[in-house]
Amino acid sequence: MSHTTPLHRFAQLVSTGDSVAPQGPVRLGVDLGTGNIVLAAVDGTDAPIAGASVHSTVVRDGVVVDWLGAVKAVRGLKEVVEARLGVRFDSAAVAVPPGIDAGTSKVFNNVVEASGLEVLEVVDEPVAAATALGVQTGAVIDVGHGTTGVSILRDGVVQASIDEATGGHHMTLVIAGALGMGYEDAELFKRDPANADLVFGVVRPTLEKMATIAARALEGQADLPIHLVGGASSLPGTAQVFSAVIGAPVTASPDPLFPTPLGTAMRRTS
């Protein structure tokens, strides 16, 4: 694993259930995503050392809709990561969607605290993703399960952010309607790499709608590098659709589900 990027190493750790002996103090990050909840652990050098994830619907459009389910999921993943590392966590950083109000953000904090963790830091999702990607100045497009978010960062600070309701959930609805499937079957069909070409053809108009959301948010920002993250952006060809609609190069993140949780665990540079 020494020849891979930290992001890819983290994806491997989540996939295999392996762990790495830490160097220095460890830190935990919690990402309560709309489609998945992911926990990431890094060591004192910000290198990933363990992680775990679970598919979940406890968050919808940036709002925790199943508080108890969220607590159980985070607590369970925490125990998994602790067992893999042989350490006990008593604090964590938590990612929150950009632009949410203080009350909604507090609910995310409450979930983490009820899971037995003190909230060490609250991190905007685009800042977390940019941290994992090593981006200080640029635009981050986050195609999540429920929404498409766009954030503009300069020198590590979010200058502007939007979040609109079109994401992987809407792709699944389109597939279900086009292929005559139930929602859960369509979700599984969408996630199967063997179906990628057919899925891309069916959901391309939805991807173009997402790209149009991003293009509006990025108007006048053509000088910025543009990065694409989020689990719903993993379909091959997605970055090309966004680039064509925006009219500028768009770089797709490898392992697009994992920049936000990994960046949440990493320390912010001063």
Protein backbone atom coordinates (compact mmCIF):
# COMPACT_ATOMS: atom_id res chain seq x y z
CA MET A 1 0.00 0.00 0.00
CA SER A 2 3.03 2.29 0.25
CA HIS A 3 2.75 3.36 -3.40
CA THR A 4 -0.86 4.49 -3.19
CA THR A 5 -2.31 7.85 -2.15
CA PRO A 6 -3.66 8.35 1.38
CA LEU A 7 -7.18 8.47 -0.04
CA HIS A 8 -6.77 5.16 -1.83
CA ARG A 9 -5.11 3.64 1.25
CA PHE A 10 -8.13 4.67 3.29
CA ALA A 11 -10.53 3.14 0.75
CA GLN A 12 -8.54 -0.10 0.93
CA LEU A 13 -8.68 -0.12 4.73
CA VAL A 14 -12.45 0.31 4.68
CA SER A 15 -12.85 -2.40 2.06
CA THR A 16 -10.56 -5.00 3.62
CA GLY A 17 -11.11 -4.27 7.30
CA ASP A 18 -7.36 -3.95 7.80
CA SER A 19 -5.62 -1.42 10.04
CA VAL A 20 -2.19 0.21 10.29
CA ALA A 21 -0.15 0.75 13.44
CA PRO A 22 -0.42 4.47 14.25
CA GLN A 23 2.43 6.93 14.59
CA GLY A 24 1.58 9.41 17.32
CA PRO A 25 -1.89 10.33 18.62
CA VAL A 26 -4.93 9.06 16.74
CA ARG A 27 -7.94 11.09 15.62
CA LEU A 28 -11.43 10.04 14.48
CA GLY A 29 -13.70 11.64 11.87
CA VAL A 30 -17.44 11.01 11.45
CA ASP A 31 -19.28 11.60 8.17
CA LEU A 32 -23.07 11.23 8.45
CA GLY A 33 -23.79 11.04 4.74
CA THR A 34 -27.19 10.68 3.11
CA GLY A 35 -26.35 7.32 1.58
CA ASN A 36 -23.54 6.09 3.82
CA ILE A 37 -22.11 6.72 7.28
CA VAL A 38 -18.31 6.52 7.29
CA LEU A 39 -15.81 6.73 10.14
CA ALA A 40 -12.13 7.45 9.45
CA ALA A 41 -9.15 7.21 11.79
CA VAL A 42 -5.79 8.88 11.16
CA ASP A 43 -2.58 9.04 13.16
CA GLY A 44 -0.37 11.95 14.16
CA THR A 45 0.96 12.27 10.62
CA ASP A 46 -2.61 12.42 9.18
CA ALA A 47 -2.05 9.01 7.57
CA PRO A 48 -5.17 6.80 7.45
CA ILE A 49 -4.96 3.86 9.83
CA ALA A 50 -8.50 2.40 9.84
CA GLY A 51 -12.06 3.03 8.69
CA ALA A 52 -15.53 1.55 8.49
CA SER A 53 -18.75 2.35 6.67
CA VAL A 54 -22.38 1.30 6.50
CA HIS A 55 -25.11 2.06 3.98
CA SER A 56 -27.70 4.17 5.78
CA THR A 57 -30.72 6.41 5.22
CA VAL A 58 -30.73 8.13 8.61
CA VAL A 59 -29.86 11.47 6.97
CA ARG A 60 -31.97 13.00 4.21
CA ASP A 61 -31.06 16.21 2.37
CA GLY A 62 -28.67 17.26 5.13
CA VAL A 63 -31.14 16.57 7.98
CA VAL A 64 -30.97 13.71 10.49
CA VAL A 65 -34.36 12.01 10.13
CA ASP A 66 -33.63 8.94 12.27
CA TRP A 67 -31.72 10.12 15.34
CA LEU A 68 -31.66 6.78 17.15
CA GLY A 69 -30.65 4.94 13.99
CA ALA A 70 -27.82 7.41 13.45
CA VAL A 71 -26.58 6.97 17.03
CA LYS A 72 -26.64 3.17 16.75
CA ALA A 73 -24.80 3.29 13.42
CA VAL A 74 -22.05 5.62 14.67
CA ARG A 75 -21.65 3.68 17.91
CA GLY A 76 -21.40 0.40 16.01
CA LEU A 77 -18.83 1.74 13.55
CA LYS A 78 -16.85 3.28 16.42
CA GLU A 79 -16.64 -0.11 18.09
CA VAL A 80 -15.50 -1.71 14.83
CA VAL A 81 -12.70 0.83 14.34
CA GLU A 82 -11.65 0.56 17.99
CA ALA A 83 -11.45 -3.23 17.74
CA ARG A 84 -9.35 -3.04 14.59
CA LEU A 85 -6.88 -0.62 16.15
CA GLY A 86 -6.95 -1.82 19.75
CA VAL A 87 -7.58 1.74 20.97
CA ARG A 88 -10.51 3.56 22.52
CA PHE A 89 -11.79 6.87 21.12
CA ASP A 90 -13.38 9.46 23.36
CA SER A 91 -13.61 12.32 20.83
CA ALA A 92 -14.14 12.88 17.11
CA ALA A 93 -14.51 15.55 14.47
CA VAL A 94 -17.82 15.58 12.60
CA ALA A 95 -18.62 16.74 9.08
CA VAL A 96 -21.74 18.81 8.42
CA PRO A 97 -23.34 19.88 5.13
CA PRO A 98 -22.47 23.42 4.03
CA GLY A 99 -24.90 26.20 4.81
CA ILE A 100 -27.04 24.41 7.40
CA ASP A 101 -28.35 26.38 10.36
CA ALA A 102 -27.01 26.11 13.89
CA GLY A 103 -29.93 23.99 15.05
CA THR A 104 -29.41 21.37 12.34
CA SER A 105 -25.67 21.34 12.98
CA LYS A 106 -26.36 20.75 16.68
CA VAL A 107 -28.28 17.58 15.82
CA PHE A 108 -25.16 16.18 14.13
CA ASN A 109 -23.20 17.02 17.28
CA ASN A 110 -25.83 15.36 19.45
CA VAL A 111 -25.61 12.14 17.43
CA VAL A 112 -21.84 11.99 17.90
CA GLU A 113 -22.07 12.81 21.62
CA ALA A 114 -24.79 10.18 22.18
CA SER A 115 -22.42 7.69 20.55
CA GLY A 116 -19.95 8.25 23.38
CA LEU A 117 -17.71 10.83 21.70
CA GLU A 118 -16.92 14.42 22.55
CA VAL A 119 -17.13 16.65 19.46
CA LEU A 120 -13.60 17.86 18.87
CA GLU A 121 -14.31 19.89 15.73
CA VAL A 122 -17.19 20.60 13.33
CA VAL A 123 -16.00 20.62 9.71
CA ASP A 124 -17.91 21.75 6.62
CA GLU A 125 -18.06 18.82 4.20
CA PRO A 126 -16.37 20.71 1.32
CA VAL A 127 -13.53 21.78 3.61
CA ALA A 128 -13.11 18.16 4.70
CA ALA A 129 -13.06 16.91 1.10
CA ALA A 130 -10.60 19.64 0.09
CA THR A 131 -8.35 18.73 3.01
CA ALA A 132 -8.16 15.09 1.91
CA LEU A 133 -7.48 16.16 -1.68
CA GLY A 134 -4.85 18.72 -0.65
CA VAL A 135 -6.87 21.59 -2.14
CA GLN A 136 -6.51 25.06 -0.60
CA THR A 137 -8.00 27.07 -3.47
CA GLY A 138 -10.55 25.55 -5.83
CA ALA A 139 -14.14 24.43 -6.26
CA VAL A 140 -15.50 21.20 -4.79
CA ILE A 141 -18.61 19.67 -6.34
CA ASP A 142 -20.10 17.07 -4.00
CA VAL A 143 -22.66 14.81 -5.66
CA GLY A 144 -24.32 13.11 -2.72
CA HIS A 145 -27.27 10.79 -2.45
CA GLY A 146 -29.78 13.58 -1.90
CA THR A 147 -28.18 16.79 -3.15
CA THR A 148 -25.54 18.33 -5.34
CA GLY A 149 -23.39 20.78 -3.42
CA VAL A 150 -20.83 23.24 -4.74
CA SER A 151 -18.35 25.09 -2.55
CA ILE A 152 -15.72 27.62 -3.54
CA LEU A 153 -12.60 27.76 -1.39
CA ARG A 154 -9.76 30.25 -1.38
CA ASP A 155 -6.79 29.69 0.92
CA GLY A 156 -8.71 26.95 2.71
CA VAL A 157 -11.72 29.14 3.52
CA VAL A 158 -15.20 28.60 2.03
CA GLN A 159 -16.13 31.75 0.10
CA ALA A 160 -19.49 30.56 -1.22
CA SER A 161 -21.58 27.40 -1.05
CA ILE A 162 -24.83 26.09 -2.51
CA ASP A 163 -26.67 22.80 -2.08
CA GLU A 164 -29.63 21.75 -4.27
CA ALA A 165 -31.82 18.67 -4.22
CA THR A 166 -30.65 16.46 -7.06
CA GLY A 167 -28.37 13.51 -6.34
CA GLY A 168 -27.96 9.76 -6.35
CA HIS A 169 -31.47 9.25 -4.96
CA HIS A 170 -32.92 10.93 -8.03
CA MET A 171 -30.73 8.78 -10.31
CA THR A 172 -32.18 5.70 -8.63
CA LEU A 173 -35.74 6.95 -9.14
CA VAL A 174 -35.04 7.48 -12.85
CA ILE A 175 -33.60 3.96 -13.19
CA ALA A 176 -36.58 2.45 -11.35
CA GLY A 177 -39.01 4.20 -13.67
CA ALA A 178 -37.11 3.47 -16.87
CA LEU A 179 -36.45 -0.21 -16.15
CA GLY A 180 -39.63 -1.04 -14.23
CA MET A 181 -37.90 -1.88 -10.96
CA GLY A 182 -38.62 -1.23 -7.32
CA TYR A 183 -36.47 1.42 -5.66
CA GLU A 184 -34.19 -0.95 -3.73
CA ASP A 185 -33.63 -3.14 -6.79
CA ALA A 186 -32.81 -0.04 -8.83
CA GLU A 187 -30.32 1.10 -6.18
CA LEU A 188 -28.54 -2.25 -6.31
CA PHE A 189 -28.63 -2.22 -10.11
CA LYS A 190 -27.08 1.27 -10.15
CA ARG A 191 -24.24 0.23 -7.83
CA ASP A 192 -23.26 -2.84 -9.89
CA PRO A 193 -20.25 -1.93 -12.10
CA ALA A 194 -21.44 -4.45 -14.70
CA ASN A 195 -24.43 -2.17 -15.41
CA ALA A 196 -22.43 1.06 -15.70
CA ASP A 197 -22.94 1.64 -19.44
CA LEU A 198 -26.70 1.11 -19.31
CA VAL A 199 -27.05 3.17 -16.13
CA PHE A 200 -25.06 6.03 -17.61
CA GLY A 201 -27.33 6.20 -20.65
CA VAL A 202 -30.45 6.23 -18.49
CA VAL A 203 -29.30 8.84 -15.95
CA ARG A 204 -27.33 11.14 -18.23
CA PRO A 205 -30.10 13.81 -18.22
CA THR A 206 -30.03 13.73 -14.40
CA LEU A 207 -26.25 14.15 -14.43
CA GLU A 208 -26.65 17.10 -16.80
CA LYS A 209 -29.13 18.67 -14.37
CA MET A 210 -26.56 18.28 -11.56
CA ALA A 211 -23.91 19.79 -13.79
CA THR A 212 -26.19 22.73 -14.55
CA ILE A 213 -26.55 23.35 -10.80
CA ALA A 214 -22.75 23.39 -10.57
CA ALA A 215 -22.36 25.64 -13.62
CA ARG A 216 -24.63 28.28 -12.09
CA ALA A 217 -22.69 28.20 -8.83
CA LEU A 218 -19.36 28.49 -10.65
CA GLU A 219 -20.28 31.34 -12.95
CA GLY A 220 -17.36 33.78 -13.01
CA GLN A 221 -15.05 31.31 -11.26
CA ALA A 222 -13.44 29.75 -14.33
CA ASP A 223 -9.96 30.32 -12.94
CA LEU A 224 -10.43 27.76 -10.17
CA PRO A 225 -9.54 24.08 -10.41
CA ILE A 226 -12.74 22.04 -10.08
CA HIS A 227 -12.87 18.78 -8.15
CA LEU A 228 -15.73 16.25 -8.20
CA VAL A 229 -16.43 14.09 -5.14
CA GLY A 230 -19.33 12.17 -3.59
CA GLY A 231 -20.51 8.61 -3.96
CA ALA A 232 -23.03 9.48 -6.67
CA SER A 233 -20.20 10.76 -8.89
CA SER A 234 -18.57 7.33 -9.14
CA LEU A 235 -20.31 6.40 -12.40
CA PRO A 236 -17.76 6.41 -15.26
CA GLY A 237 -18.28 9.39 -17.55
CA THR A 238 -19.71 11.68 -14.86
CA ALA A 239 -16.73 14.06 -14.84
CA GLN A 240 -16.93 14.42 -18.62
CA VAL A 241 -20.62 15.38 -18.41
CA PHE A 242 -19.85 18.01 -15.78
CA SER A 243 -16.92 19.36 -17.78
CA ALA A 244 -19.02 19.68 -20.94
CA VAL A 245 -21.84 21.54 -19.18
CA ILE A 246 -19.57 23.78 -17.07
CA GLY A 247 -17.20 24.49 -19.94
CA ALA A 248 -14.06 23.87 -17.88
CA PRO A 249 -11.97 20.85 -16.86
CA VAL A 250 -13.38 18.83 -13.97
CA THR A 251 -11.17 16.40 -12.04
CA ALA A 252 -12.94 13.34 -10.68
CA SER A 253 -11.70 12.21 -7.28
CA PRO A 254 -10.55 8.60 -7.03
CA ASP A 255 -12.58 6.74 -4.41
CA PRO A 256 -15.11 9.61 -4.41
CA LEU A 257 -17.06 8.37 -1.37
CA PHE A 258 -14.11 8.85 0.96
CA PRO A 259 -12.55 12.36 0.72
CA THR A 260 -15.06 13.84 3.18
CA PRO A 261 -14.67 11.30 6.03
CA LEU A 262 -10.89 11.14 5.63
CA GLY A 263 -10.58 14.93 5.52
CA THR A 264 -12.83 15.23 8.57
CA ALA A 265 -10.37 13.18 10.61
CA MET A 266 -7.32 15.07 9.35
CA ARG A 267 -6.06 18.15 11.18
CA ARG A 268 -6.66 21.56 9.64
CA THR A 269 -3.45 23.47 8.86
CA SER A 270 -3.14 26.83 10.58
